[in-house]
Protein backbone atom coordinates (compact mmCIF):
# COMPACT_ATOMS: atom_id res chain seq x y z
CA MET A 1 32.22 -48.06 56.65
CA ALA A 2 35.72 -46.98 57.66
CA ASP A 3 38.00 -45.25 55.16
CA ALA A 4 41.29 -47.02 54.43
CA GLY A 5 42.93 -43.70 53.54
CA ASP A 6 45.90 -43.51 51.20
CA ILE A 7 47.01 -46.98 50.13
CA LEU A 8 50.49 -48.28 49.37
CA VAL A 9 50.76 -51.59 47.52
CA VAL A 10 54.12 -53.27 48.07
CA ILE A 11 55.41 -56.11 45.89
CA PRO A 12 58.65 -57.46 47.42
CA ALA A 13 60.83 -59.40 44.98
CA ARG A 14 64.33 -60.57 45.79
CA GLY A 15 66.65 -61.63 43.02
CA GLY A 16 67.91 -64.71 44.82
CA SER A 17 66.02 -67.87 45.72
CA LYS A 18 67.64 -71.06 46.99
CA ARG A 19 64.90 -73.55 46.12
CA LEU A 20 63.92 -72.11 42.75
CA PRO A 21 66.67 -69.83 41.39
CA ARG A 22 65.53 -66.54 39.82
CA LYS A 23 61.92 -67.56 40.33
CA ASN A 24 60.51 -64.02 40.19
CA MET A 25 61.86 -63.71 36.66
CA LEU A 26 60.87 -67.15 35.35
CA PRO A 27 58.65 -66.98 32.24
CA LEU A 28 55.07 -67.94 33.05
CA GLY A 29 52.36 -67.70 30.42
CA GLY A 30 54.54 -65.54 28.20
CA LYS A 31 55.80 -63.05 30.79
CA PRO A 32 58.01 -62.99 33.90
CA LEU A 33 56.38 -64.31 37.06
CA ILE A 34 56.44 -60.92 38.78
CA CYS A 35 54.41 -59.33 35.98
CA TRP A 36 51.32 -61.29 37.01
CA THR A 37 51.28 -59.55 40.37
CA ILE A 38 52.13 -56.09 39.02
CA GLU A 39 49.34 -56.33 36.47
CA ALA A 40 46.82 -57.63 39.02
CA ALA A 41 47.63 -54.64 41.24
CA LEU A 42 47.09 -52.24 38.33
CA GLU A 43 43.88 -53.94 37.19
CA ALA A 44 42.47 -53.75 40.73
CA LYS A 45 42.20 -49.95 40.27
CA LEU A 46 42.73 -49.15 43.94
CA ASN A 47 43.84 -45.56 43.34
CA ALA A 48 46.98 -46.60 45.21
CA ARG A 49 50.71 -46.16 44.85
CA ILE A 50 52.32 -49.42 43.74
CA MET A 51 55.93 -50.15 44.69
CA VAL A 52 58.14 -53.03 43.61
CA THR A 53 60.98 -53.29 46.12
CA SER A 54 63.97 -55.37 45.06
CA ASP A 55 67.72 -55.74 45.28
CA ASP A 56 67.89 -57.03 41.71
CA GLU A 57 68.49 -54.75 38.71
CA GLU A 58 66.69 -57.06 36.28
CA ILE A 59 63.56 -57.15 38.43
CA LEU A 60 63.68 -53.37 38.87
CA ALA A 61 64.00 -52.99 35.09
CA ILE A 62 60.81 -55.02 34.66
CA ALA A 63 59.01 -52.82 37.21
CA TRP A 64 60.34 -49.72 35.44
CA GLN A 65 58.50 -50.79 32.29
CA TYR A 66 55.25 -50.02 34.16
CA LYS A 67 56.34 -46.53 35.27
CA ASN A 68 53.84 -44.79 32.98
CA GLU A 69 51.10 -46.65 34.83
CA GLY A 70 52.41 -45.39 38.15
CA VAL A 71 54.52 -48.31 39.34
CA ILE A 72 57.53 -47.36 41.48
CA ALA A 73 60.75 -49.36 41.11
CA TYR A 74 62.54 -49.05 44.45
CA LYS A 75 65.98 -50.50 45.12
CA ARG A 76 66.05 -51.68 48.69
CA PRO A 77 69.19 -51.43 50.87
CA ALA A 78 71.65 -54.32 50.59
CA GLU A 79 71.02 -55.43 54.18
CA LEU A 80 67.39 -56.13 53.27
CA ALA A 81 68.36 -58.48 50.45
CA THR A 82 69.60 -61.29 52.68
CA ASP A 83 67.92 -64.39 54.10
CA ALA A 84 68.10 -62.75 57.54
CA ALA A 85 65.86 -59.82 56.50
CA SER A 86 62.21 -60.30 57.42
CA THR A 87 59.24 -59.33 55.30
CA ALA A 88 58.27 -56.83 58.00
CA ASP A 89 61.70 -55.17 57.71
CA VAL A 90 61.25 -54.83 53.95
CA LEU A 91 57.76 -53.37 54.36
CA ILE A 92 58.88 -50.88 57.00
CA ASP A 93 61.66 -49.72 54.69
CA ALA A 94 59.15 -49.30 51.84
CA VAL A 95 56.78 -47.23 53.99
CA LYS A 96 59.61 -45.03 55.25
CA ALA A 97 60.82 -44.50 51.67
CA GLU A 98 57.33 -43.30 50.75
CA GLN A 99 57.22 -40.98 53.75
CA ALA A 100 60.60 -39.55 52.76
CA SER A 101 59.13 -38.83 49.32
CA GLY A 102 56.30 -36.83 50.88
CA TYR A 103 53.59 -39.50 50.98
CA ASP A 104 51.93 -40.85 54.12
CA PRO A 105 50.08 -44.09 53.35
CA LYS A 106 47.58 -45.21 55.99
CA THR A 107 47.01 -48.68 54.60
CA LEU A 108 49.52 -51.21 53.34
CA VAL A 109 48.68 -53.96 50.86
CA LEU A 110 51.30 -56.70 50.52
CA LEU A 111 51.23 -58.76 47.32
CA GLN A 112 53.76 -61.56 47.06
CA PRO A 113 54.86 -62.26 43.47
CA THR A 114 54.82 -65.99 44.20
CA SER A 115 50.99 -65.96 44.05
CA PRO A 116 50.45 -65.34 40.32
CA LEU A 117 46.95 -66.85 40.16
CA ARG A 118 45.53 -64.19 42.46
CA THR A 119 43.18 -62.00 40.39
CA ALA A 120 42.56 -58.27 40.42
CA ASP A 121 39.23 -58.98 42.18
CA ASP A 122 40.90 -60.77 45.09
CA ILE A 123 42.72 -57.59 46.13
CA PRO A 124 39.73 -55.23 46.65
CA ALA A 125 37.86 -58.14 48.24
CA ALA A 126 40.50 -58.23 50.99
CA LEU A 127 40.34 -54.44 51.32
CA GLU A 128 36.56 -54.68 51.73
CA VAL A 129 37.02 -57.04 54.70
CA PHE A 130 39.55 -54.57 56.12
CA ARG A 131 37.07 -51.69 55.85
CA GLU A 132 34.25 -53.78 57.32
CA GLY A 133 36.47 -54.33 60.36
CA GLY A 134 36.90 -50.60 60.85
CA CYS A 135 40.36 -50.59 59.25
CA GLU A 136 41.78 -51.95 62.50
CA ASP A 137 42.55 -55.66 62.12
CA THR A 138 45.05 -57.02 59.63
CA VAL A 139 43.40 -59.02 56.84
CA VAL A 140 44.93 -62.11 55.24
CA THR A 141 43.71 -64.18 52.33
CA VAL A 142 43.01 -67.83 53.05
CA CYS A 143 41.68 -70.89 51.28
CA GLU A 144 39.93 -73.99 52.51
CA VAL A 145 42.29 -76.87 53.33
CA ASP A 146 42.12 -79.85 51.00
CA HIS A 147 42.14 -82.35 53.89
CA PRO A 148 41.14 -81.99 57.56
CA THR A 149 44.06 -81.16 59.83
CA ALA A 150 42.91 -84.09 61.98
CA TRP A 151 44.50 -86.22 59.26
CA VAL A 152 47.88 -84.55 59.79
CA GLY A 153 50.38 -86.04 62.22
CA THR A 154 53.99 -86.89 62.86
CA ILE A 155 56.13 -90.00 62.55
CA GLY A 156 57.88 -91.05 65.76
CA GLU A 157 60.41 -93.72 66.59
CA GLY A 158 60.02 -97.00 64.79
CA SER A 159 57.94 -95.32 62.04
CA LYS A 160 55.05 -94.92 64.48
CA LEU A 161 52.36 -92.61 63.12
CA GLU A 162 51.16 -90.20 65.79
CA GLY A 163 48.48 -87.58 66.23
CA ILE A 164 46.18 -88.60 63.38
CA ASP A 165 42.44 -89.17 63.75
CA LEU A 166 41.85 -92.72 62.52
CA SER A 167 38.20 -92.85 63.57
CA GLY A 168 37.05 -93.22 59.99
CA LYS A 169 35.10 -89.95 59.91
CA ARG A 170 34.43 -88.59 56.43
CA SER A 171 36.17 -85.38 55.45
CA GLN A 172 32.82 -83.59 55.11
CA ASP A 173 32.01 -84.43 58.75
CA TYR A 174 34.78 -82.17 60.02
CA ARG A 175 34.37 -78.45 60.54
CA LYS A 176 35.68 -76.36 57.63
CA GLU A 177 39.26 -75.26 58.14
CA TYR A 178 41.30 -72.62 56.34
CA ARG A 179 44.99 -71.90 55.79
CA LEU A 180 46.95 -68.81 54.85
CA ASN A 181 47.64 -68.70 51.11
CA GLY A 182 50.05 -65.73 51.07
CA ALA A 183 48.32 -63.92 48.20
CA VAL A 184 47.10 -60.67 49.83
CA TYR A 185 47.74 -58.99 53.18
CA VAL A 186 46.14 -55.70 54.25
CA ALA A 187 47.37 -53.83 57.32
CA ARG A 188 47.58 -50.44 58.99
CA THR A 189 50.92 -48.78 58.35
CA ASP A 190 51.00 -47.19 61.82
CA HIS A 191 50.69 -50.62 63.42
CA LEU A 192 53.52 -51.95 61.26
CA LEU A 193 55.80 -49.04 62.14
CA ASN A 194 55.00 -49.07 65.86
CA SER A 195 55.06 -52.81 66.46
CA GLY A 196 57.43 -54.09 63.79
CA SER A 197 54.80 -56.65 62.85
CA LEU A 198 52.26 -56.91 60.07
CA PHE A 199 49.76 -58.68 62.31
CA THR A 200 47.37 -57.21 64.84
CA GLU A 201 46.09 -59.22 67.80
CA GLY A 202 42.91 -59.94 65.88
CA VAL A 203 43.27 -61.00 62.25
CA ARG A 204 40.44 -61.22 59.70
CA ALA A 205 40.15 -63.53 56.71
CA SER A 206 39.29 -62.94 53.06
CA VAL A 207 38.54 -66.28 51.41
CA MET A 208 39.93 -67.28 48.02
CA PRO A 209 39.40 -70.57 46.16
CA ARG A 210 42.14 -73.19 46.40
CA VAL A 211 42.69 -73.14 42.64
CA ARG A 212 43.95 -69.53 42.86
CA SER A 213 45.92 -70.08 46.07
CA LEU A 214 49.01 -71.75 44.65
CA ASP A 215 52.21 -70.35 46.18
CA ILE A 216 55.30 -70.92 44.07
CA ASP A 217 58.12 -72.09 46.31
CA GLU A 218 59.64 -75.02 44.44
CA SER A 219 59.92 -76.28 40.87
CA VAL A 220 56.87 -78.54 41.19
CA ASP A 221 54.71 -75.54 42.20
CA PHE A 222 55.85 -73.68 39.12
CA ARG A 223 55.04 -76.62 36.84
CA VAL A 224 51.55 -76.94 38.30
CA CYS A 225 51.02 -73.21 37.81
CA GLU A 226 52.17 -73.47 34.20
CA GLY A 227 49.61 -76.18 33.62
CA LEU A 228 46.77 -74.19 35.16
CA ILE A 229 47.56 -71.05 33.20
CA GLY A 230 47.98 -73.08 30.01
CA SER A 231 44.54 -74.61 30.54
CA PHE A 232 42.97 -71.15 30.41
CA ASP A 233 45.12 -69.71 27.59
CA GLY A 234 46.91 -67.30 29.91
CA HIS A 235 43.69 -65.80 31.31
CA PRO A 236 43.00 -65.61 35.07
CA VAL A 237 41.98 -68.96 36.53
CA PRO A 238 38.23 -68.79 37.31
CA GLU A 239 36.65 -69.78 40.60
CA PRO A 240 35.26 -73.34 40.47
CA GLU A 241 31.50 -73.52 40.73
CA ASN A 242 31.49 -76.25 43.37
CA GLN A 243 33.90 -74.65 45.84
């Protein structure tokens, strides 16, 4: 099996958010949202360097609290703290900062702090898929869709519903489909630097259950997440037996 080489885990966390202000710092299960991702990265025991990149002093102060466990708090340039800055730009900056410090990571693991239900086990599982593919193709975590995409359509003029399969087929009669859940990405750093993109032509999937695939984007997502974490007394949400 291919060797992933030196690994850099990057947790990008901006201070601003239009839909859910200060979401990375919102208290969830007794700690700021971003802490769930930092702690999952540490518990995964990847023997990797872990970097929190942010423009926000409060977020960086939280990351600094984990410095004795090896977490790097990196203040990104101001131009990478705007809505115009892409995730790829932020990741390239993080890799170059590591190289300037004398490190040369071969593999990049992106963990978005808006996926707090991702467990420490989900991270090495994605890395395993990466290694099985010869450390060539980018790996993304996915989950099964809750409804067939054949049931998704648009509304045209006169409220006309278009593009939906109304044949009456049962959901279980459709082929299984999956969607990106945004929890874990694994990629080659040389591909990122050379192409400016996280994604290779071929992309592989590491499957996670839907219950751990919640991505916090709006207030309702946060409330659902609070309820799930509260149901398990702040412990990681387990995988359902029937999924």
